[in-house]
Amino acid sequence: MGYHFSASRQSKDGYLRNNFQWNNNFAGGLQFFLPFEANLWLGARYSKVNYGFPVINDPSRARGRQPG
């Protein structure tokens, strides 16, 4: 029998306003060695991601105001 487990966390805060991202990932699996050189692999993965939607950094367009 074999097994595998992994976890990761990533985040970034980009240059543009509201340009952030963070994510958490988990994965794991079991491997069973069967007769006649066969293998059975069972695995699962979970990801949770949160993205911001970047907006222009122009101060004159802050809070939805249109130039003009």
PDB file of N, CA and C in Angstrom:
ATOM      1  N   MET A   1       0.854  -1.177   0.000  1.00  0.00           N
ATOM      2  CA  MET A   1       0.000   0.000   0.000  1.00  0.00           C
ATOM      3  C   MET A   1       0.897   1.236   0.000  1.00  0.00           C
ATOM      4  N   GLY A   2       0.539   2.219  -0.789  1.00  0.00           N
ATOM      5  CA  GLY A   2       1.262   3.484  -0.823  1.00  0.00           C
ATOM      6  C   GLY A   2       0.301   4.626  -0.540  1.00  0.00           C
ATOM      7  N   TYR A   3       0.852   5.774  -0.218  1.00  0.00           N
ATOM      8  CA  TYR A   3       0.009   6.934   0.069  1.00  0.00           C
ATOM      9  C   TYR A   3       0.724   8.211  -0.343  1.00  0.00           C
ATOM     10  N   HIS A   4      -0.063   9.268  -0.466  1.00  0.00           N
ATOM     11  CA  HIS A   4       0.462  10.581  -0.840  1.00  0.00           C
ATOM     12  C   HIS A   4      -0.425  11.642  -0.191  1.00  0.00           C
ATOM     13  N   PHE A   5       0.192  12.681   0.342  1.00  0.00           N
ATOM     14  CA  PHE A   5      -0.549  13.809   0.889  1.00  0.00           C
ATOM     15  C   PHE A   5       0.227  15.084   0.599  1.00  0.00           C
ATOM     16  N   SER A   6      -0.471  16.140   0.198  1.00  0.00           N
ATOM     17  CA  SER A   6       0.190  17.431  -0.014  1.00  0.00           C
ATOM     18  C   SER A   6      -0.770  18.564   0.337  1.00  0.00           C
ATOM     19  N   ALA A   7      -0.181  19.676   0.726  1.00  0.00           N
ATOM     20  CA  ALA A   7      -0.956  20.877   1.049  1.00  0.00           C
ATOM     21  C   ALA A   7      -0.131  22.080   0.623  1.00  0.00           C
ATOM     22  N   SER A   8      -0.817  23.125   0.170  1.00  0.00           N
ATOM     23  CA  SER A   8      -0.112  24.353  -0.196  1.00  0.00           C
ATOM     24  C   SER A   8      -1.016  25.551   0.041  1.00  0.00           C
ATOM     25  N   ARG A   9      -0.374  26.687   0.235  1.00  0.00           N
ATOM     26  CA  ARG A   9      -1.075  27.958   0.411  1.00  0.00           C
ATOM     27  C   ARG A   9      -0.297  29.004  -0.366  1.00  0.00           C
ATOM     28  N   GLN A  10      -1.019  29.794  -1.146  1.00  0.00           N
ATOM     29  CA  GLN A  10      -0.387  30.846  -1.934  1.00  0.00           C
ATOM     30  C   GLN A  10      -1.214  32.114  -1.815  1.00  0.00           C
ATOM     31  N   SER A  11      -0.533  33.246  -1.868  1.00  0.00           N
ATOM     32  CA  SER A  11      -1.243  34.516  -1.877  1.00  0.00           C
ATOM     33  C   SER A  11      -0.383  35.556  -2.585  1.00  0.00           C
ATOM     34  N   LYS A  12      -1.054  36.587  -3.090  1.00  0.00           N
ATOM     35  CA  LYS A  12      -0.336  37.700  -3.710  1.00  0.00           C
ATOM     36  C   LYS A  12      -1.190  38.954  -3.595  1.00  0.00           C
ATOM     37  N   ASP A  13      -0.540  40.066  -3.565  1.00  0.00           N
ATOM     38  CA  ASP A  13      -1.207  41.358  -3.572  1.00  0.00           C
ATOM     39  C   ASP A  13      -0.594  42.134  -4.729  1.00  0.00           C
ATOM     40  N   GLY A  14      -1.302  42.212  -5.826  1.00  0.00           N
ATOM     41  CA  GLY A  14      -0.763  42.802  -7.041  1.00  0.00           C
ATOM     42  C   GLY A  14      -0.642  44.309  -6.977  1.00  0.00           C
ATOM     43  N   TYR A  15      -0.086  44.872  -8.037  1.00  0.00           N
ATOM     44  CA  TYR A  15       0.129  46.312  -8.112  1.00  0.00           C
ATOM     45  C   TYR A  15      -1.175  47.076  -8.233  1.00  0.00           C
ATOM     46  N   LEU A  16      -2.092  46.592  -9.048  1.00  0.00           N
ATOM     47  CA  LEU A  16      -3.351  47.300  -9.243  1.00  0.00           C
ATOM     48  C   LEU A  16      -4.253  47.145  -8.028  1.00  0.00           C
ATOM     49  N   ARG A  17      -5.138  48.128  -7.844  1.00  0.00           N
ATOM     50  CA  ARG A  17      -6.084  48.029  -6.730  1.00  0.00           C
ATOM     51  C   ARG A  17      -6.954  46.797  -6.904  1.00  0.00           C
ATOM     52  N   ASN A  18      -7.270  46.162  -5.823  1.00  0.00           N
ATOM     53  CA  ASN A  18      -8.158  44.994  -5.774  1.00  0.00           C
ATOM     54  C   ASN A  18      -7.620  43.812  -6.577  1.00  0.00           C
ATOM     55  N   ASN A  19      -6.320  43.767  -6.805  1.00  0.00           N
ATOM     56  CA  ASN A  19      -5.704  42.688  -7.574  1.00  0.00           C
ATOM     57  C   ASN A  19      -5.065  41.691  -6.614  1.00  0.00           C
ATOM     58  N   PHE A  20      -5.859  41.061  -5.805  1.00  0.00           N
ATOM     59  CA  PHE A  20      -5.342  40.098  -4.839  1.00  0.00           C
ATOM     60  C   PHE A  20      -5.758  38.689  -5.245  1.00  0.00           C
ATOM     61  N   GLN A  21      -5.075  37.733  -4.664  1.00  0.00           N
ATOM     62  CA  GLN A  21      -5.422  36.331  -4.863  1.00  0.00           C
ATOM     63  C   GLN A  21      -4.885  35.540  -3.687  1.00  0.00           C
ATOM     64  N   TRP A  22      -5.658  34.610  -3.199  1.00  0.00           N
ATOM     65  CA  TRP A  22      -5.146  33.628  -2.254  1.00  0.00           C
ATOM     66  C   TRP A  22      -5.825  32.294  -2.527  1.00  0.00           C
ATOM     67  N   ASN A  23      -5.083  31.228  -2.308  1.00  0.00           N
ATOM     68  CA  ASN A  23      -5.668  29.916  -2.488  1.00  0.00           C
ATOM     69  C   ASN A  23      -5.029  28.898  -1.552  1.00  0.00           C
ATOM     70  N   ASN A  24      -5.838  27.933  -1.151  1.00  0.00           N
ATOM     71  CA  ASN A  24      -5.423  26.810  -0.330  1.00  0.00           C
ATOM     72  C   ASN A  24      -5.718  25.538  -1.118  1.00  0.00           C
ATOM     73  N   ASN A  25      -4.769  24.606  -1.105  1.00  0.00           N
ATOM     74  CA  ASN A  25      -4.918  23.359  -1.845  1.00  0.00           C
ATOM     75  C   ASN A  25      -4.547  22.180  -0.955  1.00  0.00           C
ATOM     76  N   PHE A  26      -5.314  21.125  -1.060  1.00  0.00           N
ATOM     77  CA  PHE A  26      -5.037  19.879  -0.358  1.00  0.00           C
ATOM     78  C   PHE A  26      -5.246  18.733  -1.330  1.00  0.00           C
ATOM     79  N   ALA A  27      -4.388  17.733  -1.263  1.00  0.00           N
ATOM     80  CA  ALA A  27      -4.526  16.562  -2.129  1.00  0.00           C
ATOM     81  C   ALA A  27      -4.035  15.338  -1.380  1.00  0.00           C
ATOM     82  N   GLY A  28      -4.588  14.208  -1.712  1.00  0.00           N
ATOM     83  CA  GLY A  28      -4.151  12.973  -1.087  1.00  0.00           C
ATOM     84  C   GLY A  28      -4.591  11.783  -1.901  1.00  0.00           C
ATOM     85  N   GLY A  29      -3.956  10.665  -1.635  1.00  0.00           N
ATOM     86  CA  GLY A  29      -4.322   9.466  -2.371  1.00  0.00           C
ATOM     87  C   GLY A  29      -3.777   8.213  -1.722  1.00  0.00           C
ATOM     88  N   LEU A  30      -4.389   7.113  -2.064  1.00  0.00           N
ATOM     89  CA  LEU A  30      -3.961   5.784  -1.627  1.00  0.00           C
ATOM     90  C   LEU A  30      -3.740   4.920  -2.854  1.00  0.00           C
ATOM     91  N   GLN A  31      -2.696   4.113  -2.795  1.00  0.00           N
ATOM     92  CA  GLN A  31      -2.406   3.193  -3.890  1.00  0.00           C
ATOM     93  C   GLN A  31      -2.393   1.783  -3.323  1.00  0.00           C
ATOM     94  N   PHE A  32      -3.141   0.916  -3.955  1.00  0.00           N
ATOM     95  CA  PHE A  32      -3.205  -0.480  -3.543  1.00  0.00           C
ATOM     96  C   PHE A  32      -2.565  -1.336  -4.629  1.00  0.00           C
ATOM     97  N   PHE A  33      -1.683  -2.229  -4.213  1.00  0.00           N
ATOM     98  CA  PHE A  33      -1.017  -3.140  -5.132  1.00  0.00           C
ATOM     99  C   PHE A  33      -1.810  -4.441  -5.163  1.00  0.00           C
ATOM    100  N   LEU A  34      -2.357  -4.766  -6.316  1.00  0.00           N
ATOM    101  CA  LEU A  34      -3.227  -5.920  -6.479  1.00  0.00           C
ATOM    102  C   LEU A  34      -2.477  -7.060  -7.168  1.00  0.00           C
ATOM    103  N   PRO A  35      -3.045  -8.246  -7.131  1.00  0.00           N
ATOM    104  CA  PRO A  35      -2.406  -9.370  -7.831  1.00  0.00           C
ATOM    105  C   PRO A  35      -2.273  -9.104  -9.327  1.00  0.00           C
ATOM    106  N   PHE A  36      -1.445  -9.848  -9.979  1.00  0.00           N
ATOM    107  CA  PHE A  36      -1.207  -9.773 -11.422  1.00  0.00           C
ATOM    108  C   PHE A  36      -0.660  -8.407 -11.835  1.00  0.00           C
ATOM    109  N   GLU A  37       0.160  -7.825 -10.987  1.00  0.00           N
ATOM    110  CA  GLU A  37       0.831  -6.538 -11.245  1.00  0.00           C
ATOM    111  C   GLU A  37      -0.143  -5.402 -11.536  1.00  0.00           C
ATOM    112  N   ALA A  38      -1.314  -5.443 -10.931  1.00  0.00           N
ATOM    113  CA  ALA A  38      -2.309  -4.381 -11.086  1.00  0.00           C
ATOM    114  C   ALA A  38      -2.219  -3.416  -9.911  1.00  0.00           C
ATOM    115  N   ASN A  39      -2.577  -2.180 -10.156  1.00  0.00           N
ATOM    116  CA  ASN A  39      -2.598  -1.145  -9.123  1.00  0.00           C
ATOM    117  C   ASN A  39      -3.960  -0.478  -9.114  1.00  0.00           C
ATOM    118  N   LEU A  40      -4.393  -0.081  -7.949  1.00  0.00           N
ATOM    119  CA  LEU A  40      -5.615   0.701  -7.807  1.00  0.00           C
ATOM    120  C   LEU A  40      -5.238   1.981  -7.079  1.00  0.00           C
ATOM    121  N   TRP A  41      -5.517   3.128  -7.708  1.00  0.00           N
ATOM    122  CA  TRP A  41      -5.158   4.431  -7.135  1.00  0.00           C
ATOM    123  C   TRP A  41      -6.433   5.219  -6.876  1.00  0.00           C
ATOM    124  N   LEU A  42      -6.633   5.629  -5.638  1.00  0.00           N
ATOM    125  CA  LEU A  42      -7.776   6.466  -5.253  1.00  0.00           C
ATOM    126  C   LEU A  42      -7.231   7.798  -4.763  1.00  0.00           C
ATOM    127  N   GLY A  43      -7.728   8.871  -5.319  1.00  0.00           N
ATOM    128  CA  GLY A  43      -7.209  10.178  -4.938  1.00  0.00           C
ATOM    129  C   GLY A  43      -8.301  11.219  -4.856  1.00  0.00           C
ATOM    130  N   ALA A  44      -7.973  12.300  -4.158  1.00  0.00           N
ATOM    131  CA  ALA A  44      -8.913  13.415  -4.014  1.00  0.00           C
ATOM    132  C   ALA A  44      -8.118  14.711  -3.951  1.00  0.00           C
ATOM    133  N   ARG A  45      -8.767  15.793  -4.391  1.00  0.00           N
ATOM    134  CA  ARG A  45      -8.132  17.115  -4.361  1.00  0.00           C
ATOM    135  C   ARG A  45      -9.180  18.149  -3.975  1.00  0.00           C
ATOM    136  N   TYR A  46      -8.757  19.140  -3.189  1.00  0.00           N
ATOM    137  CA  TYR A  46      -9.636  20.233  -2.764  1.00  0.00           C
ATOM    138  C   TYR A  46      -8.879  21.540  -2.946  1.00  0.00           C
ATOM    139  N   SER A  47      -9.541  22.535  -3.522  1.00  0.00           N
ATOM    140  CA  SER A  47      -8.953  23.866  -3.685  1.00  0.00           C
ATOM    141  C   SER A  47      -9.982  24.915  -3.305  1.00  0.00           C
ATOM    142  N   LYS A  48      -9.538  25.927  -2.599  1.00  0.00           N
ATOM    143  CA  LYS A  48     -10.380  27.084  -2.302  1.00  0.00           C
ATOM    144  C   LYS A  48      -9.596  28.315  -2.755  1.00  0.00           C
ATOM    145  N   VAL A  49     -10.210  29.090  -3.643  1.00  0.00           N
ATOM    146  CA  VAL A  49      -9.524  30.225  -4.262  1.00  0.00           C
ATOM    147  C   VAL A  49     -10.377  31.474  -4.102  1.00  0.00           C
ATOM    148  N   ASN A  50      -9.737  32.598  -3.842  1.00  0.00           N
ATOM    149  CA  ASN A  50     -10.411  33.885  -3.738  1.00  0.00           C
ATOM    150  C   ASN A  50      -9.623  34.884  -4.589  1.00  0.00           C
ATOM    151  N   TYR A  51     -10.287  35.450  -5.593  1.00  0.00           N
ATOM    152  CA  TYR A  51      -9.667  36.414  -6.494  1.00  0.00           C
ATOM    153  C   TYR A  51     -10.342  37.769  -6.345  1.00  0.00           C
ATOM    154  N   GLY A  52      -9.556  38.825  -6.437  1.00  0.00           N
ATOM    155  CA  GLY A  52     -10.100  40.162  -6.590  1.00  0.00           C
ATOM    156  C   GLY A  52     -10.117  40.502  -8.071  1.00  0.00           C
ATOM    157  N   PHE A  53     -10.914  41.464  -8.445  1.00  0.00           N
ATOM    158  CA  PHE A  53     -10.975  41.909  -9.831  1.00  0.00           C
ATOM    159  C   PHE A  53     -10.233  43.234  -9.931  1.00  0.00           C
ATOM    160  N   PRO A  54      -9.077  43.245 -10.608  1.00  0.00           N
ATOM    161  CA  PRO A  54      -8.270  44.464 -10.664  1.00  0.00           C
ATOM    162  C   PRO A  54      -9.007  45.615 -11.333  1.00  0.00           C
ATOM    163  N   VAL A  55      -8.751  46.798 -10.826  1.00  0.00           N
ATOM    164  CA  VAL A  55      -9.312  48.019 -11.396  1.00  0.00           C
ATOM    165  C   VAL A  55      -8.168  48.979 -11.683  1.00  0.00           C
ATOM    166  N   ILE A  56      -8.430  49.970 -12.515  1.00  0.00           N
ATOM    167  CA  ILE A  56      -7.395  50.927 -12.896  1.00  0.00           C
ATOM    168  C   ILE A  56      -6.969  51.757 -11.684  1.00  0.00           C
ATOM    169  N   ASN A  57      -5.711  52.133 -11.638  1.00  0.00           N
ATOM    170  CA  ASN A  57      -5.171  52.900 -10.516  1.00  0.00           C
ATOM    171  C   ASN A  57      -5.311  54.405 -10.700  1.00  0.00           C
ATOM    172  N   ASP A  58      -6.117  54.869 -11.627  1.00  0.00           N
ATOM    173  CA  ASP A  58      -6.283  56.289 -11.905  1.00  0.00           C
ATOM    174  C   ASP A  58      -7.128  56.935 -10.798  1.00  0.00           C
ATOM    175  N   PRO A  59      -6.543  57.833  -9.984  1.00  0.00           N
ATOM    176  CA  PRO A  59      -7.312  58.434  -8.870  1.00  0.00           C
ATOM    177  C   PRO A  59      -8.538  59.210  -9.334  1.00  0.00           C
ATOM    178  N   SER A  60      -8.537  59.737 -10.555  1.00  0.00           N
ATOM    179  CA  SER A  60      -9.698  60.494 -11.015  1.00  0.00           C
ATOM    180  C   SER A  60     -10.886  59.581 -11.284  1.00  0.00           C
ATOM    181  N   ARG A  61     -10.665  58.258 -11.369  1.00  0.00           N
ATOM    182  CA  ARG A  61     -11.756  57.311 -11.617  1.00  0.00           C
ATOM    183  C   ARG A  61     -12.110  56.531 -10.364  1.00  0.00           C
ATOM    184  N   ALA A  62     -11.692  57.005  -9.217  1.00  0.00           N
ATOM    185  CA  ALA A  62     -11.996  56.312  -7.956  1.00  0.00           C
ATOM    186  C   ALA A  62     -13.485  56.316  -7.682  1.00  0.00           C
ATOM    187  N   ARG A  63     -13.956  55.278  -7.051  1.00  0.00           N
ATOM    188  CA  ARG A  63     -15.344  55.121  -6.611  1.00  0.00           C
ATOM    189  C   ARG A  63     -16.346  55.275  -7.759  1.00  0.00           C
ATOM    190  N   GLY A  64     -15.981  54.792  -8.940  1.00  0.00           N
ATOM    191  CA  GLY A  64     -16.943  54.760 -10.047  1.00  0.00           C
ATOM    192  C   GLY A  64     -17.150  56.077 -10.775  1.00  0.00           C
ATOM    193  N   ARG A  65     -16.438  57.138 -10.391  1.00  0.00           N
ATOM    194  CA  ARG A  65     -16.602  58.414 -11.106  1.00  0.00           C
ATOM    195  C   ARG A  65     -16.007  58.323 -12.498  1.00  0.00           C
ATOM    196  N   GLN A  66     -16.668  58.891 -13.450  1.00  0.00           N
ATOM    197  CA  GLN A  66     -16.189  58.923 -14.820  1.00  0.00           C
ATOM    198  C   GLN A  66     -15.511  60.257 -15.085  1.00  0.00           C
ATOM    199  N   PRO A  67     -14.365  60.249 -15.804  1.00  0.00           N
ATOM    200  CA  PRO A  67     -13.731  61.539 -16.116  1.00  0.00           C
ATOM    201  C   PRO A  67     -14.607  62.345 -17.047  1.00  0.00           C
ATOM    202  N   GLY A  68     -14.522  63.656 -16.896  1.00  0.00           N
ATOM    203  CA  GLY A  68     -15.331  64.342 -17.845  1.00  0.00           C
ATOM    204  C   GLY A  68     -15.628  65.726 -17.568  1.00  0.00           C
TER     205      GLY A  68
END
